[in-house]
Amino acid sequence: MTDATPGTVRVETTTDTQSEAERLAASLVEANLAACVQVTGPITSFYRWEGHVHNDPEWLLVVKTATDRLDAVVAHLRQHHSYEVPEVVAVPVIGGNPDYLTWVTTETR
């Protein structure tokens, strides 16, 4: 990472259908909020919701974006996600290929 780049984060969210995962991924890239979104699944998520333990198939989205776009990514996912309380967590990228990290920043402008 160079001083010219704002930093990179990986944002994760899950959804219950492949079609929603792909719709969210495309909308993030089309809005220049993400340089790349990877969709994988199905995975099995175990969680407690409304007092009951559930295990359900879900699709995982891994969003690569610039740190200064994080708030907009979170807002976008909260607005367009079908879940009442979608998982949206961000993890800072502390290193990597500087060319790739610069590309992430460039693609989110």
PDB file of N, CA and C in Angstrom:
ATOM      1  N   MET A   1       0.844  -1.172   0.000  1.00  0.00           N
ATOM      2  CA  MET A   1       0.000   0.000   0.000  1.00  0.00           C
ATOM      3  C   MET A   1       0.889   1.234   0.000  1.00  0.00           C
ATOM      4  N   THR A   2       0.502   2.198  -0.785  1.00  0.00           N
ATOM      5  CA  THR A   2       1.248   3.450  -0.819  1.00  0.00           C
ATOM      6  C   THR A   2       0.451   4.522  -0.099  1.00  0.00           C
ATOM      7  N   ASP A   3       1.109   5.647   0.154  1.00  0.00           N
ATOM      8  CA  ASP A   3       0.422   6.752   0.810  1.00  0.00           C
ATOM      9  C   ASP A   3      -0.740   7.286  -0.007  1.00  0.00           C
ATOM     10  N   ALA A   4      -0.773   7.015  -1.312  1.00  0.00           N
ATOM     11  CA  ALA A   4      -1.831   7.514  -2.182  1.00  0.00           C
ATOM     12  C   ALA A   4      -3.110   6.685  -2.075  1.00  0.00           C
ATOM     13  N   THR A   5      -3.045   5.534  -1.454  1.00  0.00           N
ATOM     14  CA  THR A   5      -4.235   4.697  -1.355  1.00  0.00           C
ATOM     15  C   THR A   5      -4.810   4.774   0.052  1.00  0.00           C
ATOM     16  N   PRO A   6      -6.149   4.739   0.174  1.00  0.00           N
ATOM     17  CA  PRO A   6      -6.770   4.891   1.485  1.00  0.00           C
ATOM     18  C   PRO A   6      -6.784   3.616   2.323  1.00  0.00           C
ATOM     19  N   GLY A   7      -6.302   2.518   1.815  1.00  0.00           N
ATOM     20  CA  GLY A   7      -6.364   1.252   2.526  1.00  0.00           C
ATOM     21  C   GLY A   7      -7.458   0.378   1.934  1.00  0.00           C
ATOM     22  N   THR A   8      -7.405  -0.885   2.282  1.00  0.00           N
ATOM     23  CA  THR A   8      -8.331  -1.866   1.732  1.00  0.00           C
ATOM     24  C   THR A   8      -8.970  -2.641   2.865  1.00  0.00           C
ATOM     25  N   VAL A   9     -10.247  -2.984   2.690  1.00  0.00           N
ATOM     26  CA  VAL A   9     -10.948  -3.843   3.637  1.00  0.00           C
ATOM     27  C   VAL A   9     -11.649  -4.958   2.875  1.00  0.00           C
ATOM     28  N   ARG A  10     -11.827  -6.075   3.575  1.00  0.00           N
ATOM     29  CA  ARG A  10     -12.667  -7.176   3.092  1.00  0.00           C
ATOM     30  C   ARG A  10     -13.933  -7.144   3.925  1.00  0.00           C
ATOM     31  N   VAL A  11     -15.057  -7.118   3.250  1.00  0.00           N
ATOM     32  CA  VAL A  11     -16.354  -7.079   3.920  1.00  0.00           C
ATOM     33  C   VAL A  11     -17.051  -8.394   3.613  1.00  0.00           C
ATOM     34  N   GLU A  12     -17.628  -9.002   4.644  1.00  0.00           N
ATOM     35  CA  GLU A  12     -18.343 -10.264   4.453  1.00  0.00           C
ATOM     36  C   GLU A  12     -19.813 -10.084   4.789  1.00  0.00           C
ATOM     37  N   THR A  13     -20.645 -10.741   4.008  1.00  0.00           N
ATOM     38  CA  THR A  13     -22.069 -10.844   4.285  1.00  0.00           C
ATOM     39  C   THR A  13     -22.537 -12.191   3.766  1.00  0.00           C
ATOM     40  N   THR A  14     -23.672 -12.632   4.241  1.00  0.00           N
ATOM     41  CA  THR A  14     -24.262 -13.884   3.764  1.00  0.00           C
ATOM     42  C   THR A  14     -25.707 -13.629   3.396  1.00  0.00           C
ATOM     43  N   THR A  15     -26.225 -14.507   2.548  1.00  0.00           N
ATOM     44  CA  THR A  15     -27.636 -14.452   2.180  1.00  0.00           C
ATOM     45  C   THR A  15     -28.128 -15.864   1.929  1.00  0.00           C
ATOM     46  N   ASP A  16     -29.435 -16.019   1.866  1.00  0.00           N
ATOM     47  CA  ASP A  16     -29.982 -17.371   1.814  1.00  0.00           C
ATOM     48  C   ASP A  16     -30.198 -17.933   0.408  1.00  0.00           C
ATOM     49  N   THR A  17     -29.918 -17.136  -0.617  1.00  0.00           N
ATOM     50  CA  THR A  17     -30.047 -17.664  -1.981  1.00  0.00           C
ATOM     51  C   THR A  17     -28.865 -17.226  -2.838  1.00  0.00           C
ATOM     52  N   GLN A  18     -28.532 -18.057  -3.781  1.00  0.00           N
ATOM     53  CA  GLN A  18     -27.467 -17.722  -4.720  1.00  0.00           C
ATOM     54  C   GLN A  18     -27.865 -16.514  -5.561  1.00  0.00           C
ATOM     55  N   SER A  19     -29.120 -16.450  -5.955  1.00  0.00           N
ATOM     56  CA  SER A  19     -29.552 -15.334  -6.807  1.00  0.00           C
ATOM     57  C   SER A  19     -29.432 -13.998  -6.073  1.00  0.00           C
ATOM     58  N   GLU A  20     -29.772 -13.964  -4.779  1.00  0.00           N
ATOM     59  CA  GLU A  20     -29.606 -12.713  -4.043  1.00  0.00           C
ATOM     60  C   GLU A  20     -28.126 -12.376  -3.881  1.00  0.00           C
ATOM     61  N   ALA A  21     -27.315 -13.376  -3.618  1.00  0.00           N
ATOM     62  CA  ALA A  21     -25.874 -13.142  -3.484  1.00  0.00           C
ATOM     63  C   ALA A  21     -25.318 -12.532  -4.769  1.00  0.00           C
ATOM     64  N   GLU A  22     -25.705 -13.076  -5.901  1.00  0.00           N
ATOM     65  CA  GLU A  22     -25.218 -12.554  -7.183  1.00  0.00           C
ATOM     66  C   GLU A  22     -25.765 -11.162  -7.463  1.00  0.00           C
ATOM     67  N   ARG A  23     -27.019 -10.915  -7.087  1.00  0.00           N
ATOM     68  CA  ARG A  23     -27.613  -9.582  -7.285  1.00  0.00           C
ATOM     69  C   ARG A  23     -26.871  -8.545  -6.432  1.00  0.00           C
ATOM     70  N   LEU A  24     -26.614  -8.882  -5.170  1.00  0.00           N
ATOM     71  CA  LEU A  24     -25.885  -7.962  -4.300  1.00  0.00           C
ATOM     72  C   LEU A  24     -24.466  -7.722  -4.809  1.00  0.00           C
ATOM     73  N   ALA A  25     -23.796  -8.790  -5.224  1.00  0.00           N
ATOM     74  CA  ALA A  25     -22.424  -8.658  -5.737  1.00  0.00           C
ATOM     75  C   ALA A  25     -22.387  -7.726  -6.939  1.00  0.00           C
ATOM     76  N   ALA A  26     -23.272  -7.959  -7.889  1.00  0.00           N
ATOM     77  CA  ALA A  26     -23.302  -7.122  -9.093  1.00  0.00           C
ATOM     78  C   ALA A  26     -23.617  -5.675  -8.743  1.00  0.00           C
ATOM     79  N   SER A  27     -24.558  -5.456  -7.831  1.00  0.00           N
ATOM     80  CA  SER A  27     -24.941  -4.080  -7.499  1.00  0.00           C
ATOM     81  C   SER A  27     -23.795  -3.322  -6.827  1.00  0.00           C
ATOM     82  N   LEU A  28     -22.993  -4.016  -6.016  1.00  0.00           N
ATOM     83  CA  LEU A  28     -21.845  -3.365  -5.376  1.00  0.00           C
ATOM     84  C   LEU A  28     -20.776  -2.970  -6.390  1.00  0.00           C
ATOM     85  N   VAL A  29     -20.497  -3.854  -7.333  1.00  0.00           N
ATOM     86  CA  VAL A  29     -19.490  -3.549  -8.354  1.00  0.00           C
ATOM     87  C   VAL A  29     -20.006  -2.468  -9.299  1.00  0.00           C
ATOM     88  N   GLU A  30     -21.269  -2.577  -9.712  1.00  0.00           N
ATOM     89  CA  GLU A  30     -21.836  -1.584 -10.631  1.00  0.00           C
ATOM     90  C   GLU A  30     -21.868  -0.189 -10.013  1.00  0.00           C
ATOM     91  N   ALA A  31     -22.033  -0.101  -8.700  1.00  0.00           N
ATOM     92  CA  ALA A  31     -22.081   1.190  -8.010  1.00  0.00           C
ATOM     93  C   ALA A  31     -20.690   1.704  -7.628  1.00  0.00           C
ATOM     94  N   ASN A  32     -19.638   1.019  -8.070  1.00  0.00           N
ATOM     95  CA  ASN A  32     -18.254   1.376  -7.724  1.00  0.00           C
ATOM     96  C   ASN A  32     -18.005   1.365  -6.216  1.00  0.00           C
ATOM     97  N   LEU A  33     -18.745   0.526  -5.519  1.00  0.00           N
ATOM     98  CA  LEU A  33     -18.528   0.376  -4.084  1.00  0.00           C
ATOM     99  C   LEU A  33     -17.565  -0.760  -3.781  1.00  0.00           C
ATOM    100  N   ALA A  34     -17.390  -1.656  -4.746  1.00  0.00           N
ATOM    101  CA  ALA A  34     -16.474  -2.789  -4.594  1.00  0.00           C
ATOM    102  C   ALA A  34     -15.712  -2.983  -5.889  1.00  0.00           C
ATOM    103  N   ALA A  35     -14.442  -3.337  -5.753  1.00  0.00           N
ATOM    104  CA  ALA A  35     -13.645  -3.674  -6.931  1.00  0.00           C
ATOM    105  C   ALA A  35     -13.950  -5.100  -7.373  1.00  0.00           C
ATOM    106  N   CYS A  36     -14.240  -5.964  -6.391  1.00  0.00           N
ATOM    107  CA  CYS A  36     -14.462  -7.377  -6.662  1.00  0.00           C
ATOM    108  C   CYS A  36     -15.318  -7.938  -5.535  1.00  0.00           C
ATOM    109  N   VAL A  37     -16.230  -8.829  -5.891  1.00  0.00           N
ATOM    110  CA  VAL A  37     -17.008  -9.558  -4.889  1.00  0.00           C
ATOM    111  C   VAL A  37     -16.977 -11.025  -5.279  1.00  0.00           C
ATOM    112  N   GLN A  38     -16.549 -11.841  -4.366  1.00  0.00           N
ATOM    113  CA  GLN A  38     -16.560 -13.284  -4.599  1.00  0.00           C
ATOM    114  C   GLN A  38     -17.768 -13.880  -3.894  1.00  0.00           C
ATOM    115  N   VAL A  39     -18.457 -14.778  -4.596  1.00  0.00           N
ATOM    116  CA  VAL A  39     -19.621 -15.465  -4.051  1.00  0.00           C
ATOM    117  C   VAL A  39     -19.276 -16.942  -3.963  1.00  0.00           C
ATOM    118  N   THR A  40     -19.483 -17.515  -2.796  1.00  0.00           N
ATOM    119  CA  THR A  40     -19.226 -18.935  -2.612  1.00  0.00           C
ATOM    120  C   THR A  40     -20.383 -19.545  -1.836  1.00  0.00           C
ATOM    121  N   GLY A  41     -20.615 -20.803  -2.080  1.00  0.00           N
ATOM    122  CA  GLY A  41     -21.673 -21.473  -1.348  1.00  0.00           C
ATOM    123  C   GLY A  41     -22.173 -22.674  -2.124  1.00  0.00           C
ATOM    124  N   PRO A  42     -23.073 -23.389  -1.554  1.00  0.00           N
ATOM    125  CA  PRO A  42     -23.635 -23.065  -0.254  1.00  0.00           C
ATOM    126  C   PRO A  42     -22.684 -23.443   0.880  1.00  0.00           C
ATOM    127  N   ILE A  43     -22.810 -22.672   1.950  1.00  0.00           N
ATOM    128  CA  ILE A  43     -22.150 -22.961   3.217  1.00  0.00           C
ATOM    129  C   ILE A  43     -23.266 -23.235   4.222  1.00  0.00           C
ATOM    130  N   THR A  44     -22.938 -23.760   5.368  1.00  0.00           N
ATOM    131  CA  THR A  44     -23.944 -23.957   6.412  1.00  0.00           C
ATOM    132  C   THR A  44     -23.630 -23.016   7.562  1.00  0.00           C
ATOM    133  N   SER A  45     -24.598 -22.193   7.918  1.00  0.00           N
ATOM    134  CA  SER A  45     -24.441 -21.258   9.027  1.00  0.00           C
ATOM    135  C   SER A  45     -25.268 -21.734  10.218  1.00  0.00           C
ATOM    136  N   PHE A  46     -24.623 -21.746  11.379  1.00  0.00           N
ATOM    137  CA  PHE A  46     -25.293 -22.053  12.635  1.00  0.00           C
ATOM    138  C   PHE A  46     -25.380 -20.750  13.414  1.00  0.00           C
ATOM    139  N   TYR A  47     -26.558 -20.421  13.908  1.00  0.00           N
ATOM    140  CA  TYR A  47     -26.739 -19.143  14.591  1.00  0.00           C
ATOM    141  C   TYR A  47     -27.986 -19.189  15.477  1.00  0.00           C
ATOM    142  N   ARG A  48     -28.031 -18.264  16.420  1.00  0.00           N
ATOM    143  CA  ARG A  48     -29.203 -18.119  17.271  1.00  0.00           C
ATOM    144  C   ARG A  48     -29.992 -16.915  16.769  1.00  0.00           C
ATOM    145  N   TRP A  49     -31.294 -17.098  16.566  1.00  0.00           N
ATOM    146  CA  TRP A  49     -32.161 -16.012  16.120  1.00  0.00           C
ATOM    147  C   TRP A  49     -33.496 -16.160  16.823  1.00  0.00           C
ATOM    148  N   GLU A  50     -33.918 -15.092  17.474  1.00  0.00           N
ATOM    149  CA  GLU A  50     -35.184 -15.052  18.189  1.00  0.00           C
ATOM    150  C   GLU A  50     -35.317 -16.233  19.157  1.00  0.00           C
ATOM    151  N   GLY A  51     -34.213 -16.530  19.861  1.00  0.00           N
ATOM    152  CA  GLY A  51     -34.233 -17.539  20.908  1.00  0.00           C
ATOM    153  C   GLY A  51     -34.092 -18.976  20.462  1.00  0.00           C
ATOM    154  N   HIS A  52     -33.900 -19.207  19.176  1.00  0.00           N
ATOM    155  CA  HIS A  52     -33.776 -20.569  18.660  1.00  0.00           C
ATOM    156  C   HIS A  52     -32.466 -20.714  17.881  1.00  0.00           C
ATOM    157  N   VAL A  53     -31.865 -21.884  17.986  1.00  0.00           N
ATOM    158  CA  VAL A  53     -30.661 -22.178  17.210  1.00  0.00           C
ATOM    159  C   VAL A  53     -31.092 -22.710  15.843  1.00  0.00           C
ATOM    160  N   HIS A  54     -30.503 -22.138  14.820  1.00  0.00           N
ATOM    161  CA  HIS A  54     -30.813 -22.512  13.433  1.00  0.00           C
ATOM    162  C   HIS A  54     -29.544 -23.001  12.756  1.00  0.00           C
ATOM    163  N   ASN A  55     -29.693 -23.812  11.737  1.00  0.00           N
ATOM    164  CA  ASN A  55     -28.606 -24.081  10.794  1.00  0.00           C
ATOM    165  C   ASN A  55     -29.224 -24.103   9.415  1.00  0.00           C
ATOM    166  N   ASP A  56     -28.703 -23.241   8.574  1.00  0.00           N
ATOM    167  CA  ASP A  56     -29.284 -23.026   7.253  1.00  0.00           C
ATOM    168  C   ASP A  56     -28.203 -22.883   6.196  1.00  0.00           C
ATOM    169  N   PRO A  57     -28.530 -23.265   4.963  1.00  0.00           N
ATOM    170  CA  PRO A  57     -27.594 -23.003   3.870  1.00  0.00           C
ATOM    171  C   PRO A  57     -27.590 -21.513   3.538  1.00  0.00           C
ATOM    172  N   GLU A  58     -26.406 -21.000   3.286  1.00  0.00           N
ATOM    173  CA  GLU A  58     -26.265 -19.606   2.884  1.00  0.00           C
ATOM    174  C   GLU A  58     -25.165 -19.494   1.844  1.00  0.00           C
ATOM    175  N   TRP A  59     -25.101 -18.340   1.202  1.00  0.00           N
ATOM    176  CA  TRP A  59     -24.036 -18.006   0.266  1.00  0.00           C
ATOM    177  C   TRP A  59     -23.253 -16.858   0.870  1.00  0.00           C
ATOM    178  N   LEU A  60     -21.934 -16.962   0.792  1.00  0.00           N
ATOM    179  CA  LEU A  60     -21.029 -15.987   1.378  1.00  0.00           C
ATOM    180  C   LEU A  60     -20.528 -15.036   0.299  1.00  0.00           C
ATOM    181  N   LEU A  61     -20.592 -13.750   0.585  1.00  0.00           N
ATOM    182  CA  LEU A  61     -20.014 -12.729  -0.281  1.00  0.00           C
ATOM    183  C   LEU A  61     -18.795 -12.151   0.414  1.00  0.00           C
ATOM    184  N   VAL A  62     -17.680 -12.096  -0.303  1.00  0.00           N
ATOM    185  CA  VAL A  62     -16.467 -11.450   0.185  1.00  0.00           C
ATOM    186  C   VAL A  62     -16.217 -10.257  -0.727  1.00  0.00           C
ATOM    187  N   VAL A  63     -16.344  -9.089  -0.153  1.00  0.00           N
ATOM    188  CA  VAL A  63     -16.301  -7.818  -0.883  1.00  0.00           C
ATOM    189  C   VAL A  63     -14.943  -7.178  -0.645  1.00  0.00           C
ATOM    190  N   LYS A  64     -14.260  -6.798  -1.713  1.00  0.00           N
ATOM    191  CA  LYS A  64     -13.003  -6.063  -1.587  1.00  0.00           C
ATOM    192  C   LYS A  64     -13.268  -4.613  -1.963  1.00  0.00           C
ATOM    193  N   THR A  65     -12.951  -3.714  -1.017  1.00  0.00           N
ATOM    194  CA  THR A  65     -13.219  -2.306  -1.241  1.00  0.00           C
ATOM    195  C   THR A  65     -12.172  -1.452  -0.542  1.00  0.00           C
ATOM    196  N   ALA A  66     -12.163  -0.176  -0.879  1.00  0.00           N
ATOM    197  CA  ALA A  66     -11.288   0.786  -0.214  1.00  0.00           C
ATOM    198  C   ALA A  66     -11.894   1.166   1.128  1.00  0.00           C
ATOM    199  N   THR A  67     -11.039   1.401   2.095  1.00  0.00           N
ATOM    200  CA  THR A  67     -11.483   1.728   3.447  1.00  0.00           C
ATOM    201  C   THR A  67     -12.450   2.914   3.456  1.00  0.00           C
ATOM    202  N   ASP A  68     -12.188   3.911   2.630  1.00  0.00           N
ATOM    203  CA  ASP A  68     -13.052   5.093   2.631  1.00  0.00           C
ATOM    204  C   ASP A  68     -14.407   4.843   1.976  1.00  0.00           C
ATOM    205  N   ARG A  69     -14.634   3.657   1.443  1.00  0.00           N
ATOM    206  CA  ARG A  69     -15.933   3.292   0.865  1.00  0.00           C
ATOM    207  C   ARG A  69     -16.742   2.388   1.800  1.00  0.00           C
ATOM    208  N   LEU A  70     -16.162   2.026   2.944  1.00  0.00           N
ATOM    209  CA  LEU A  70     -16.797   1.071   3.849  1.00  0.00           C
ATOM    210  C   LEU A  70     -18.187   1.512   4.290  1.00  0.00           C
ATOM    211  N   ASP A  71     -18.338   2.748   4.732  1.00  0.00           N
ATOM    212  CA  ASP A  71     -19.653   3.206   5.190  1.00  0.00           C
ATOM    213  C   ASP A  71     -20.697   3.100   4.084  1.00  0.00           C
ATOM    214  N   ALA A  72     -20.313   3.416   2.861  1.00  0.00           N
ATOM    215  CA  ALA A  72     -21.244   3.320   1.736  1.00  0.00           C
ATOM    216  C   ALA A  72     -21.592   1.867   1.422  1.00  0.00           C
ATOM    217  N   VAL A  73     -20.619   0.963   1.565  1.00  0.00           N
ATOM    218  CA  VAL A  73     -20.883  -0.469   1.354  1.00  0.00           C
ATOM    219  C   VAL A  73     -21.881  -0.966   2.395  1.00  0.00           C
ATOM    220  N   VAL A  74     -21.650  -0.618   3.656  1.00  0.00           N
ATOM    221  CA  VAL A  74     -22.552  -1.042   4.729  1.00  0.00           C
ATOM    222  C   VAL A  74     -23.960  -0.502   4.469  1.00  0.00           C
ATOM    223  N   ALA A  75     -24.074   0.764   4.123  1.00  0.00           N
ATOM    224  CA  ALA A  75     -25.386   1.364   3.851  1.00  0.00           C
ATOM    225  C   ALA A  75     -26.072   0.662   2.676  1.00  0.00           C
ATOM    226  N   HIS A  76     -25.319   0.379   1.628  1.00  0.00           N
ATOM    227  CA  HIS A  76     -25.865  -0.294   0.450  1.00  0.00           C
ATOM    228  C   HIS A  76     -26.395  -1.677   0.822  1.00  0.00           C
ATOM    229  N   LEU A  77     -25.607  -2.432   1.570  1.00  0.00           N
ATOM    230  CA  LEU A  77     -26.034  -3.777   1.956  1.00  0.00           C
ATOM    231  C   LEU A  77     -27.248  -3.721   2.874  1.00  0.00           C
ATOM    232  N   ARG A  78     -27.282  -2.805   3.804  1.00  0.00           N
ATOM    233  CA  ARG A  78     -28.442  -2.688   4.696  1.00  0.00           C
ATOM    234  C   ARG A  78     -29.698  -2.329   3.917  1.00  0.00           C
ATOM    235  N   GLN A  79     -29.559  -1.520   2.889  1.00  0.00           N
ATOM    236  CA  GLN A  79     -30.715  -1.097   2.098  1.00  0.00           C
ATOM    237  C   GLN A  79     -31.213  -2.192   1.156  1.00  0.00           C
ATOM    238  N   HIS A  80     -30.290  -2.963   0.564  1.00  0.00           N
ATOM    239  CA  HIS A  80     -30.665  -3.895  -0.504  1.00  0.00           C
ATOM    240  C   HIS A  80     -30.730  -5.356  -0.074  1.00  0.00           C
ATOM    241  N   HIS A  81     -30.336  -5.658   1.143  1.00  0.00           N
ATOM    242  CA  HIS A  81     -30.315  -7.034   1.632  1.00  0.00           C
ATOM    243  C   HIS A  81     -31.710  -7.442   2.098  1.00  0.00           C
ATOM    244  N   SER A  82     -32.059  -8.700   1.912  1.00  0.00           N
ATOM    245  CA  SER A  82     -33.387  -9.170   2.313  1.00  0.00           C
ATOM    246  C   SER A  82     -33.485  -9.481   3.805  1.00  0.00           C
ATOM    247  N   TYR A  83     -32.364  -9.669   4.484  1.00  0.00           N
ATOM    248  CA  TYR A  83     -32.410 -10.014   5.909  1.00  0.00           C
ATOM    249  C   TYR A  83     -32.782  -8.790   6.743  1.00  0.00           C
ATOM    250  N   GLU A  84     -33.494  -9.046   7.843  1.00  0.00           N
ATOM    251  CA  GLU A  84     -33.837  -7.980   8.775  1.00  0.00           C
ATOM    252  C   GLU A  84     -32.574  -7.391   9.401  1.00  0.00           C
ATOM    253  N   VAL A  85     -31.631  -8.262   9.765  1.00  0.00           N
ATOM    254  CA  VAL A  85     -30.356  -7.834  10.352  1.00  0.00           C
ATOM    255  C   VAL A  85     -29.234  -8.587   9.627  1.00  0.00           C
ATOM    256  N   PRO A  86     -28.813  -8.087   8.467  1.00  0.00           N
ATOM    257  CA  PRO A  86     -27.772  -8.813   7.729  1.00  0.00           C
ATOM    258  C   PRO A  86     -26.410  -8.724   8.410  1.00  0.00           C
ATOM    259  N   GLU A  87     -25.683  -9.820   8.318  1.00  0.00           N
ATOM    260  CA  GLU A  87     -24.278  -9.792   8.738  1.00  0.00           C
ATOM    261  C   GLU A  87     -23.527  -8.890   7.774  1.00  0.00           C
ATOM    262  N   VAL A  88     -22.848  -7.915   8.302  1.00  0.00           N
ATOM    263  CA  VAL A  88     -21.928  -7.097   7.520  1.00  0.00           C
ATOM    264  C   VAL A  88     -20.747  -6.823   8.442  1.00  0.00           C
ATOM    265  N   VAL A  89     -19.626  -7.499   8.183  1.00  0.00           N
ATOM    266  CA  VAL A  89     -18.433  -7.314   9.000  1.00  0.00           C
ATOM    267  C   VAL A  89     -17.258  -6.985   8.089  1.00  0.00           C
ATOM    268  N   ALA A  90     -16.390  -6.125   8.585  1.00  0.00           N
ATOM    269  CA  ALA A  90     -15.235  -5.692   7.804  1.00  0.00           C
ATOM    270  C   ALA A  90     -13.951  -6.050   8.534  1.00  0.00           C
ATOM    271  N   VAL A  91     -12.975  -6.490   7.755  1.00  0.00           N
ATOM    272  CA  VAL A  91     -11.664  -6.854   8.267  1.00  0.00           C
ATOM    273  C   VAL A  91     -10.621  -6.068   7.482  1.00  0.00           C
ATOM    274  N   PRO A  92      -9.748  -5.325   8.158  1.00  0.00           N
ATOM    275  CA  PRO A  92      -8.742  -4.565   7.415  1.00  0.00           C
ATOM    276  C   PRO A  92      -7.731  -5.486   6.741  1.00  0.00           C
ATOM    277  N   VAL A  93      -7.316  -5.103   5.566  1.00  0.00           N
ATOM    278  CA  VAL A  93      -6.246  -5.800   4.852  1.00  0.00           C
ATOM    279  C   VAL A  93      -4.948  -5.115   5.262  1.00  0.00           C
ATOM    280  N   ILE A  94      -4.041  -5.876   5.833  1.00  0.00           N
ATOM    281  CA  ILE A  94      -2.810  -5.261   6.351  1.00  0.00           C
ATOM    282  C   ILE A  94      -1.625  -5.399   5.406  1.00  0.00           C
ATOM    283  N   GLY A  95      -1.829  -6.057   4.286  1.00  0.00           N
ATOM    284  CA  GLY A  95      -0.754  -6.203   3.317  1.00  0.00           C
ATOM    285  C   GLY A  95      -1.235  -6.964   2.110  1.00  0.00           C
ATOM    286  N   GLY A  96      -0.330  -7.142   1.171  1.00  0.00           N
ATOM    287  CA  GLY A  96      -0.666  -7.858  -0.048  1.00  0.00           C
ATOM    288  C   GLY A  96       0.052  -7.267  -1.238  1.00  0.00           C
ATOM    289  N   ASN A  97      -0.380  -7.670  -2.399  1.00  0.00           N
ATOM    290  CA  ASN A  97       0.192  -7.182  -3.649  1.00  0.00           C
ATOM    291  C   ASN A  97      -0.161  -5.699  -3.799  1.00  0.00           C
ATOM    292  N   PRO A  98       0.821  -4.809  -3.772  1.00  0.00           N
ATOM    293  CA  PRO A  98       0.511  -3.381  -3.863  1.00  0.00           C
ATOM    294  C   PRO A  98      -0.232  -3.009  -5.138  1.00  0.00           C
ATOM    295  N   ASP A  99       0.048  -3.700  -6.239  1.00  0.00           N
ATOM    296  CA  ASP A  99      -0.664  -3.414  -7.487  1.00  0.00           C
ATOM    297  C   ASP A  99      -2.142  -3.754  -7.348  1.00  0.00           C
ATOM    298  N   TYR A 100      -2.448  -4.876  -6.694  1.00  0.00           N
ATOM    299  CA  TYR A 100      -3.841  -5.267  -6.485  1.00  0.00           C
ATOM    300  C   TYR A 100      -4.543  -4.269  -5.564  1.00  0.00           C
ATOM    301  N   LEU A 101      -3.892  -3.886  -4.483  1.00  0.00           N
ATOM    302  CA  LEU A 101      -4.500  -2.959  -3.536  1.00  0.00           C
ATOM    303  C   LEU A 101      -4.762  -1.609  -4.186  1.00  0.00           C
ATOM    304  N   THR A 102      -3.860  -1.170  -5.041  1.00  0.00           N
ATOM    305  CA  THR A 102      -4.091   0.072  -5.786  1.00  0.00           C
ATOM    306  C   THR A 102      -5.263  -0.088  -6.741  1.00  0.00           C
ATOM    307  N   TRP A 103      -5.363  -1.256  -7.385  1.00  0.00           N
ATOM    308  CA  TRP A 103      -6.480  -1.541  -8.292  1.00  0.00           C
ATOM    309  C   TRP A 103      -7.814  -1.465  -7.535  1.00  0.00           C
ATOM    310  N   VAL A 104      -7.863  -2.015  -6.322  1.00  0.00           N
ATOM    311  CA  VAL A 104      -9.095  -1.951  -5.525  1.00  0.00           C
ATOM    312  C   VAL A 104      -9.504  -0.496  -5.331  1.00  0.00           C
ATOM    313  N   THR A 105      -8.564   0.346  -4.962  1.00  0.00           N
ATOM    314  CA  THR A 105      -8.871   1.760  -4.766  1.00  0.00           C
ATOM    315  C   THR A 105      -9.354   2.407  -6.056  1.00  0.00           C
ATOM    316  N   THR A 106      -8.645   2.159  -7.147  1.00  0.00           N
ATOM    317  CA  THR A 106      -8.991   2.749  -8.438  1.00  0.00           C
ATOM    318  C   THR A 106     -10.394   2.359  -8.864  1.00  0.00           C
ATOM    319  N   GLU A 107     -10.755   1.101  -8.674  1.00  0.00           N
ATOM    320  CA  GLU A 107     -12.066   0.597  -9.126  1.00  0.00           C
ATOM    321  C   GLU A 107     -13.215   1.045  -8.233  1.00  0.00           C
ATOM    322  N   THR A 108     -12.923   1.647  -7.102  1.00  0.00           N
ATOM    323  CA  THR A 108     -13.991   2.094  -6.203  1.00  0.00           C
ATOM    324  C   THR A 108     -14.126   3.611  -6.205  1.00  0.00           C
ATOM    325  N   ARG A 109     -13.656   4.211  -7.278  1.00  0.00           N
ATOM    326  CA  ARG A 109     -13.786   5.687  -7.414  1.00  0.00           C
ATOM    327  C   ARG A 109     -14.956   6.012  -8.280  1.00  0.00           C
TER     328      ARG A 109
END
